[in-house]
Protein backbone atom coordinates (compact mmCIF):
# COMPACT_ATOMS: atom_id res chain seq x y z
CA MET A 1 -2.08 247.55 67.31
CA LYS A 2 -3.63 244.92 69.59
CA ILE A 3 -3.46 245.64 73.33
CA LEU A 4 -4.15 243.53 76.41
CA TRP A 5 -5.25 246.03 79.07
CA VAL A 6 -5.14 244.76 82.67
CA SER A 7 -6.92 247.17 85.00
CA GLN A 8 -7.10 247.38 88.79
CA ASN A 9 -10.79 248.29 88.48
CA LEU A 10 -13.76 248.14 86.12
CA PRO A 11 -13.42 251.77 85.00
CA TYR A 12 -16.94 253.05 84.53
CA PRO A 13 -18.52 255.49 85.23
CA PRO A 14 -15.65 258.02 85.10
CA LYS A 15 -16.73 259.70 88.33
CA THR A 16 -13.63 259.60 90.54
CA GLY A 17 -9.95 260.23 89.87
CA VAL A 18 -8.77 256.69 89.17
CA LEU A 19 -11.92 255.80 87.21
CA GLN A 20 -11.66 259.01 85.18
CA ARG A 21 -8.09 258.28 84.15
CA ASN A 22 -8.63 254.62 83.38
CA TYR A 23 -11.86 255.06 81.42
CA ASN A 24 -10.57 257.94 79.34
CA LEU A 25 -7.24 256.29 78.55
CA ILE A 26 -9.08 253.18 77.37
CA ARG A 27 -11.49 255.29 75.32
CA GLU A 28 -8.63 257.15 73.66
CA ALA A 29 -6.61 253.96 73.09
CA THR A 30 -9.50 252.39 71.19
CA SER A 31 -9.19 255.16 68.61
CA PHE A 32 -5.89 253.65 67.41
CA ALA A 33 -5.83 250.09 68.77
CA GLU A 34 -7.92 246.99 69.43
CA VAL A 35 -8.19 246.80 73.21
CA HIS A 36 -8.98 243.63 75.16
CA LEU A 37 -9.77 244.51 78.77
CA ILE A 38 -9.27 242.37 81.87
CA ALA A 39 -10.61 244.26 84.87
CA ILE A 40 -10.69 243.60 88.61
CA LEU A 41 -14.11 244.14 90.17
CA LYS A 42 -14.13 246.49 93.16
CA GLN A 43 -17.78 246.54 94.14
CA ASP A 44 -17.36 249.31 96.74
CA ILE A 45 -15.47 251.74 94.51
CA LEU A 46 -18.60 253.91 94.26
CA PRO A 47 -21.88 253.94 96.19
CA ASP A 48 -24.48 251.69 94.51
CA TYR A 49 -21.90 250.59 91.94
CA ASP A 50 -23.49 248.87 88.94
CA ALA A 51 -20.90 246.41 87.67
CA LYS A 52 -23.19 245.03 84.97
CA LEU A 53 -23.72 248.51 83.50
CA ALA A 54 -19.98 249.20 83.71
CA GLU A 55 -19.20 246.01 81.80
CA GLU A 56 -21.82 246.82 79.15
CA GLU A 57 -20.50 250.35 78.62
CA LEU A 58 -16.89 249.21 78.38
CA ALA A 59 -17.89 246.51 75.91
CA LYS A 60 -18.98 249.32 73.57
CA LEU A 61 -15.34 250.44 73.46
CA CYS A 62 -13.31 247.26 73.88
CA ALA A 63 -13.04 244.19 71.66
CA SER A 64 -13.57 242.05 74.78
CA VAL A 65 -14.14 242.61 78.49
CA THR A 66 -13.29 240.02 81.15
CA VAL A 67 -14.14 240.76 84.78
CA VAL A 68 -12.16 239.07 87.56
CA GLN A 69 -12.97 238.97 91.26
CA LEU A 70 -10.05 238.86 93.68
CA PRO A 71 -10.39 236.92 96.94
CA THR A 72 -9.24 240.07 98.77
CA GLU A 73 -12.14 242.02 97.24
CA MET A 74 -14.78 239.33 97.79
CA SER A 75 -14.23 238.86 101.52
CA ARG A 76 -13.29 241.33 104.26
CA PHE A 77 -11.83 238.44 106.23
CA ARG A 78 -9.62 237.49 103.27
CA PHE A 79 -8.59 241.15 102.81
CA PHE A 80 -7.49 241.54 106.42
CA TRP A 81 -5.88 238.09 106.47
CA VAL A 82 -3.67 239.02 103.50
CA LEU A 83 -3.02 242.41 105.13
CA PHE A 84 -1.79 240.67 108.30
CA LYS A 85 0.11 237.93 106.46
CA SER A 86 1.95 240.55 104.41
CA LEU A 87 3.83 241.58 107.56
CA PHE A 88 5.80 238.34 107.15
CA THR A 89 6.26 238.23 103.36
CA ARG A 90 8.98 239.68 101.15
CA LEU A 91 6.40 241.29 98.90
CA PRO A 92 4.29 244.23 100.10
CA PHE A 93 0.55 244.00 100.67
CA THR A 94 0.07 246.24 97.62
CA VAL A 95 1.31 243.34 95.49
CA ASN A 96 -0.08 240.46 97.56
CA TRP A 97 -3.56 242.03 97.27
CA ALA A 98 -3.70 241.17 93.54
CA ASN A 99 -2.29 237.63 93.77
CA CYS A 100 -5.08 235.59 92.22
CA GLN A 101 -5.32 232.39 90.17
CA ALA A 102 -8.44 233.64 88.38
CA LEU A 103 -6.50 236.65 87.14
CA ARG A 104 -3.61 234.47 85.98
CA ASP A 105 -6.08 232.24 84.13
CA ALA A 106 -7.79 235.22 82.47
CA ILE A 107 -4.46 236.59 81.22
CA SER A 108 -3.34 233.16 79.97
CA SER A 109 -6.64 232.65 78.16
CA ALA A 110 -6.44 236.06 76.47
CA CYS A 111 -2.86 235.45 75.35
CA ALA A 112 -3.78 232.02 73.98
CA SER A 113 -6.60 233.57 71.92
CA HIS A 114 -4.82 236.68 70.64
CA SER A 115 -1.39 237.83 69.56
CA PHE A 116 -0.86 241.06 71.48
CA GLN A 117 1.72 243.65 70.46
CA LEU A 118 1.47 245.32 73.86
CA ALA A 119 0.24 244.62 77.39
CA TYR A 120 -0.73 247.48 79.68
CA PHE A 121 -0.66 246.94 83.44
CA ASP A 122 -2.57 249.61 85.34
CA THR A 123 -0.64 249.62 88.63
CA ILE A 124 2.44 248.22 90.40
CA SER A 125 0.14 245.65 92.05
CA LEU A 126 -0.19 243.92 88.65
CA ALA A 127 3.52 243.90 87.78
CA PRO A 128 4.00 240.19 88.71
CA TYR A 129 1.84 239.19 85.73
CA ARG A 130 4.29 240.67 83.23
CA LYS A 131 5.97 237.37 82.36
CA GLN A 132 2.66 235.81 81.32
CA VAL A 133 2.28 238.14 78.32
CA GLU A 134 5.72 237.67 76.73
CA PRO A 135 6.77 238.36 74.00
CA ALA A 136 4.42 241.37 73.98
CA ALA A 137 5.86 244.75 74.89
CA CYS A 138 4.94 245.68 78.47
CA VAL A 139 3.85 249.05 79.86
CA LEU A 140 3.42 249.71 83.59
CA ASN A 141 1.24 252.63 84.63
CA HIS A 142 1.80 254.60 87.83
CA HIS A 143 -1.14 256.66 89.13
CA ASN A 144 1.26 257.59 91.95
CA ILE A 145 4.68 256.41 92.98
CA GLU A 146 3.23 254.04 95.56
CA SER A 147 6.15 253.91 97.98
CA GLY A 148 6.23 257.70 98.08
CA LEU A 149 2.48 257.87 98.61
CA PHE A 150 2.65 255.62 101.68
CA ASP A 151 5.79 257.32 102.95
CA ARG A 152 4.04 260.69 102.91
CA ARG A 153 0.99 259.27 104.64
CA ILE A 154 3.08 258.27 107.66
CA GLN A 155 3.49 261.98 108.50
CA PHE A 156 -0.27 262.41 108.94
CA GLU A 157 -1.28 259.02 110.38
CA PRO A 158 -2.14 259.39 114.10
CA ASN A 159 -2.38 255.65 114.78
CA SER A 160 1.01 254.27 115.90
CA LEU A 161 0.21 250.70 114.79
CA LEU A 162 -0.74 251.92 111.33
CA ARG A 163 2.45 253.98 111.15
CA PHE A 164 4.44 250.85 111.96
CA TYR A 165 2.62 248.89 109.26
CA LEU A 166 3.09 251.68 106.73
CA ARG A 167 6.84 251.82 107.40
CA GLN A 168 7.09 248.10 106.60
CA GLU A 169 5.00 248.60 103.46
CA VAL A 170 7.16 251.51 102.29
CA ARG A 171 10.36 249.52 102.78
CA LYS A 172 9.01 246.54 100.83
CA LEU A 173 7.43 248.67 98.12
CA LYS A 174 10.66 250.56 97.45
CA ALA A 175 12.58 247.31 97.20
CA TYR A 176 9.95 245.86 94.86
CA GLU A 177 9.76 248.97 92.68
CA SER A 178 13.55 249.01 92.44
CA SER A 179 13.63 245.38 91.33
CA ILE A 180 10.73 245.38 88.83
CA VAL A 181 10.03 248.70 87.10
CA HIS A 182 13.11 248.59 84.85
CA THR A 183 11.95 245.24 83.41
CA PHE A 184 9.04 246.99 81.67
CA ASP A 185 9.59 248.49 78.24
CA VAL A 186 8.02 251.79 79.33
CA ASN A 187 6.68 253.09 82.64
CA LEU A 188 3.94 255.71 82.38
CA THR A 189 3.85 258.46 84.99
CA VAL A 190 1.31 261.26 85.35
CA SER A 191 3.95 263.99 85.63
CA GLU A 192 7.64 264.77 85.14
CA LEU A 193 7.92 264.97 88.93
CA ASP A 194 6.76 261.36 89.32
CA ALA A 195 9.11 260.31 86.51
CA GLU A 196 12.00 261.86 88.47
CA ARG A 197 10.89 260.06 91.64
CA LEU A 198 10.79 256.75 89.80
CA LEU A 199 14.25 257.34 88.37
CA GLN A 200 15.57 257.89 91.89
CA ILE A 201 14.25 254.47 92.87
CA SER A 202 15.44 252.72 89.70
CA PRO A 203 18.02 254.60 87.58
CA ARG A 204 17.58 252.11 84.70
CA VAL A 205 13.85 252.70 84.34
CA ARG A 206 12.40 253.94 81.04
CA THR A 207 9.60 256.48 81.54
CA ALA A 208 7.09 258.47 79.52
CA VAL A 209 4.67 261.06 80.87
CA VAL A 210 1.02 260.41 80.06
CA ALA A 211 -0.71 262.95 82.24
CA ASN A 212 -4.12 262.84 83.83
CA GLY A 213 -6.60 264.70 81.70
CA VAL A 214 -9.96 266.38 81.73
CA ASP A 215 -12.94 266.24 79.40
CA VAL A 216 -12.97 269.93 78.50
CA GLY A 217 -16.36 269.54 76.85
CA TYR A 218 -18.06 267.94 79.84
CA PHE A 219 -16.31 270.16 82.39
CA SER A 220 -16.93 273.50 80.73
CA PRO A 221 -18.10 276.86 82.07
CA ARG A 222 -21.82 277.56 81.72
CA HIS A 223 -21.53 281.23 82.60
CA THR A 224 -23.55 280.71 85.77
CA SER A 225 -23.03 283.57 88.20
CA PRO A 226 -21.28 282.23 91.29
CA GLU A 227 -22.54 282.96 94.79
CA THR A 228 -20.25 285.45 96.53
CA GLY A 229 -18.31 283.84 99.37
CA HIS A 230 -19.47 280.34 98.44
CA LEU A 231 -16.58 277.87 98.74
CA VAL A 232 -16.55 274.29 97.48
CA MET A 233 -14.27 271.30 97.79
CA VAL A 234 -14.84 268.00 95.97
CA SER A 235 -13.23 265.01 97.60
CA GLY A 236 -13.92 261.27 97.70
CA MET A 237 -13.27 260.84 101.40
CA ASN A 238 -12.93 257.07 101.29
CA TRP A 239 -9.26 257.71 100.36
CA PHE A 240 -6.97 258.82 103.19
CA PRO A 241 -5.42 261.93 101.52
CA ASN A 242 -8.86 263.29 100.63
CA ARG A 243 -10.23 262.52 104.09
CA ASP A 244 -7.28 264.28 105.69
CA ALA A 245 -7.85 267.33 103.46
CA ALA A 246 -11.52 267.50 104.43
CA ILE A 247 -10.71 267.27 108.14
CA PHE A 248 -7.98 269.92 107.75
CA MET A 249 -10.57 272.13 106.08
CA ALA A 250 -13.21 271.57 108.77
CA GLN A 251 -11.03 271.79 111.86
CA ASP A 252 -8.32 274.28 110.92
CA ILE A 253 -9.28 276.38 107.89
CA TRP A 254 -13.04 276.88 108.11
CA PRO A 255 -13.09 278.33 111.67
CA LEU A 256 -10.74 281.12 110.52
CA VAL A 257 -12.54 281.71 107.23
CA SER A 258 -15.96 281.89 108.84
CA ALA A 259 -14.69 284.33 111.47
CA VAL A 260 -13.07 286.69 108.97
CA ILE A 261 -15.77 286.34 106.27
CA PRO A 262 -19.02 285.67 108.21
CA ALA A 263 -21.13 285.61 105.02
CA SER A 264 -19.08 282.76 103.55
CA ARG A 265 -20.53 279.31 102.92
CA LEU A 266 -18.83 275.95 102.44
CA THR A 267 -20.03 272.93 100.46
CA ILE A 268 -18.11 269.64 100.77
CA VAL A 269 -18.93 267.17 98.01
CA GLY A 270 -17.86 263.53 98.03
CA THR A 271 -18.48 260.04 99.27
CA SER A 272 -17.86 258.78 102.82
CA PRO A 273 -17.61 262.06 104.78
CA PRO A 274 -16.01 261.32 108.18
CA PRO A 275 -17.74 262.17 111.48
CA ALA A 276 -15.81 265.44 111.91
CA ILE A 277 -17.32 266.73 108.65
CA LEU A 278 -20.86 265.63 109.47
CA GLU A 279 -20.61 267.14 112.95
CA LEU A 280 -19.47 270.48 111.51
CA ALA A 281 -22.45 270.57 109.13
CA ALA A 282 -24.82 269.70 111.99
CA ARG A 283 -23.72 272.66 114.13
CA ASP A 284 -23.00 275.24 111.40
CA THR A 285 -25.81 275.99 108.93
CA ARG A 286 -23.31 277.63 106.57
CA VAL A 287 -21.72 274.23 105.89
CA ALA A 288 -23.36 271.69 103.56
CA VAL A 289 -22.15 268.10 103.11
CA THR A 290 -23.65 266.37 100.07
CA GLY A 291 -22.15 262.90 100.15
CA PHE A 292 -21.53 261.25 96.77
CA ALA A 293 -22.71 263.33 93.81
CA ASN A 294 -23.22 261.71 90.44
CA ASP A 295 -22.58 265.10 88.81
CA VAL A 296 -20.29 267.55 90.62
CA ARG A 297 -20.62 270.33 88.04
CA PRO A 298 -23.61 272.14 89.57
CA TYR A 299 -21.77 272.43 92.90
CA ILE A 300 -18.65 273.81 91.24
CA GLU A 301 -20.72 276.24 89.14
CA ARG A 302 -22.42 277.80 92.16
CA ALA A 303 -19.20 278.34 94.08
CA GLN A 304 -17.08 281.44 93.83
CA ILE A 305 -13.89 279.62 94.85
CA TYR A 306 -12.72 276.01 94.59
CA LEU A 307 -10.54 274.79 97.48
CA CYS A 308 -8.08 271.91 97.55
CA PRO A 309 -6.30 271.81 100.94
CA MET A 310 -4.53 268.46 100.41
CA ARG A 311 -1.45 267.70 102.50
CA ASP A 312 -0.97 264.08 101.46
CA GLY A 313 -1.21 262.02 98.27
CA GLY A 314 0.62 261.51 95.02
CA GLY A 315 0.25 261.71 91.26
CA THR A 316 -1.82 264.65 90.05
CA ARG A 317 -5.26 265.67 91.24
CA LEU A 318 -7.91 265.30 88.54
CA LYS A 319 -10.21 267.39 90.73
CA ILE A 320 -7.89 270.36 90.12
CA LEU A 321 -8.10 269.84 86.36
CA ASP A 322 -11.91 269.59 86.56
CA ALA A 323 -12.14 272.88 88.45
CA LEU A 324 -9.74 274.64 86.07
CA ALA A 325 -11.83 273.43 83.14
CA MET A 326 -15.00 274.69 84.87
CA CYS A 327 -13.44 278.17 84.98
CA ARG A 328 -13.42 278.55 88.74
CA PRO A 329 -10.59 280.25 90.67
CA ILE A 330 -8.66 277.78 92.80
CA VAL A 331 -6.92 278.11 96.15
CA ALA A 332 -4.82 275.00 96.79
CA THR A 333 -1.80 273.73 98.67
CA THR A 334 1.54 273.32 96.95
CA MET A 335 1.16 269.56 97.31
CA ALA A 336 -2.27 269.56 95.66
CA LEU A 337 -0.72 271.16 92.57
CA GLU A 338 2.20 268.75 92.25
CA GLY A 339 2.66 267.65 88.66
CA ILE A 340 0.45 270.43 87.28
CA ALA A 341 2.71 273.23 86.05
CA VAL A 342 0.32 276.09 86.65
CA THR A 343 1.73 279.52 87.46
CA PRO A 344 0.76 280.89 90.88
CA GLU A 345 -0.98 284.27 90.72
CA ARG A 346 -1.79 283.71 87.04
CA GLU A 347 -3.88 280.50 87.04
CA VAL A 348 -4.16 279.57 90.72
CA LEU A 349 -3.48 280.83 94.22
CA ILE A 350 -1.38 278.84 96.69
CA ALA A 351 -2.05 278.48 100.42
CA ASN A 352 -0.42 275.99 102.77
CA THR A 353 -1.58 277.18 106.19
CA PRO A 354 -5.04 278.11 107.50
CA ALA A 355 -4.03 281.79 107.65
CA GLU A 356 -2.83 281.68 104.04
CA PHE A 357 -6.13 280.12 102.94
CA VAL A 358 -8.04 282.94 104.63
CA SER A 359 -5.85 285.58 102.98
CA GLN A 360 -6.16 284.10 99.49
CA ILE A 361 -9.91 283.56 99.79
CA GLU A 362 -10.32 287.18 100.93
CA ARG A 363 -8.43 288.44 97.87
CA ILE A 364 -10.93 286.82 95.53
CA VAL A 365 -14.02 287.70 97.55
CA LYS A 366 -12.98 291.37 97.70
CA ASN A 367 -11.84 291.45 94.06
CA PRO A 368 -14.09 289.17 91.94
CA GLU A 369 -12.50 290.44 88.73
CA PHE A 370 -9.16 289.03 89.88
CA GLY A 371 -10.89 285.69 90.49
CA ARG A 372 -12.39 285.73 87.00
CA GLU A 373 -8.96 286.46 85.51
CA LEU A 374 -7.46 283.46 87.33
CA ALA A 375 -10.34 281.29 86.14
CA VAL A 376 -10.04 282.27 82.47
CA ASN A 377 -6.29 281.68 82.53
CA GLY A 378 -6.81 278.30 84.19
CA ARG A 379 -9.31 277.17 81.57
CA ALA A 380 -6.92 278.14 78.76
CA TYR A 381 -4.12 276.23 80.49
CA VAL A 382 -6.01 272.91 80.68
CA GLU A 383 -7.21 273.23 77.10
CA ARG A 384 -3.58 273.51 75.97
CA HIS A 385 -2.08 270.77 78.12
CA PHE A 386 -4.67 268.41 79.61
CA SER A 387 -7.38 267.70 77.06
CA TRP A 388 -7.71 263.97 76.37
CA ALA A 389 -6.89 264.53 72.69
CA VAL A 390 -3.44 265.85 73.67
CA ILE A 391 -2.94 262.97 76.11
CA ARG A 392 -4.00 260.38 73.52
CA ASP A 393 -1.14 261.42 71.25
CA ASN A 394 1.37 261.15 74.10
CA MET A 395 0.03 257.72 75.04
CA ARG A 396 0.23 256.44 71.47
CA MET A 397 3.86 257.60 71.19
CA ALA A 398 4.67 255.88 74.50
CA PHE A 399 3.08 252.62 73.31
CA GLU A 400 4.93 252.73 70.00
CA SER A 401 8.17 253.39 71.89
CA ALA A 402 7.54 250.33 74.07
CA ILE A 403 6.90 248.12 71.04
CA ASN A 404 10.02 249.39 69.28
CA SER A 405 12.10 248.89 72.42
CA ARG A 406 10.92 245.29 72.75
CA ALA A 407 11.65 244.62 69.05
CA LYS A 408 15.25 245.86 69.47
CA HIS A 409 15.87 243.48 72.37
CA GLU A 410 14.47 240.35 70.74
């Protein structure tokens, strides 16, 4: 099988959610296919991002790697100009962002040099390039259902102008998703829940679930004794849902936790912490803010409880899978667990309000054996359902289904 893989980023190192999924899917795909990668460069995706190293590492996996720079990623003026101009276009900004002649040329060049059985498009933003790869079978990946992601964000966005813009984006995205997703041979979603959401938008769509996964070897328990009352959350706060979760933690949950459990400590790990988080750490010595961490495992190991107080977002949270694999008990919102069919009280604890977070944290602090039982069950769950070896088999079946579907319609 020969695959053209068009990615919204240059997926290395696998250190954040979207990079983890993209890198590991590519790595697994190369075990059964020849993969030719065309990747968009997002220089600010990680602090001190080394694009040259990323390209070199991906070249060890892929038959070829072509890196493309979008005008919207090369210039802040261009980014905001397209953002503004998208108010007056039929297509949403999410799609206009990736409109680029250099990307069209790279895809045309690859197709002229190779006969691809399948083309993989990493996000709805890249859907307009589908016609360039015909007659190859086409797969469209959905990290989230984008219209639903933006629609949910409106509930938590305090800026009225941004809410107005987001409403326009949601309306256009839904219309675009409805018109385009059914033209792909298969649409990959990260969960059955997202597949159902996509079917509501486009009843003719063909879907297959290829879940987010976790490297159960890399994220594995080291039998380090956790520090009693030590809480951790890992969150790249340059993304709105993660930033909102961190602020919710700092302003609403932590004051109650620290009052009820005075010996507790909180570590917040992740890039771009907002002022509210930094201010909390400055006035409360029990709170540590690390910024970006190249390796999050030591922070998770030391903590007694892993928290995920997300109220916004979509897809599935790879950070939850990482923590389950690390054998740490988790307290998370219902939304944070969407698409991950864990059983509350057996593998995780659920809390949706500050008071519920306090109650659930107290249960584990007062009964560490209960926390260890949750953790062991959680580790077993991800080994069964979310190891990359399991996901590779599902992805291969989805790709073969797409190729067979295209063959039937030719």
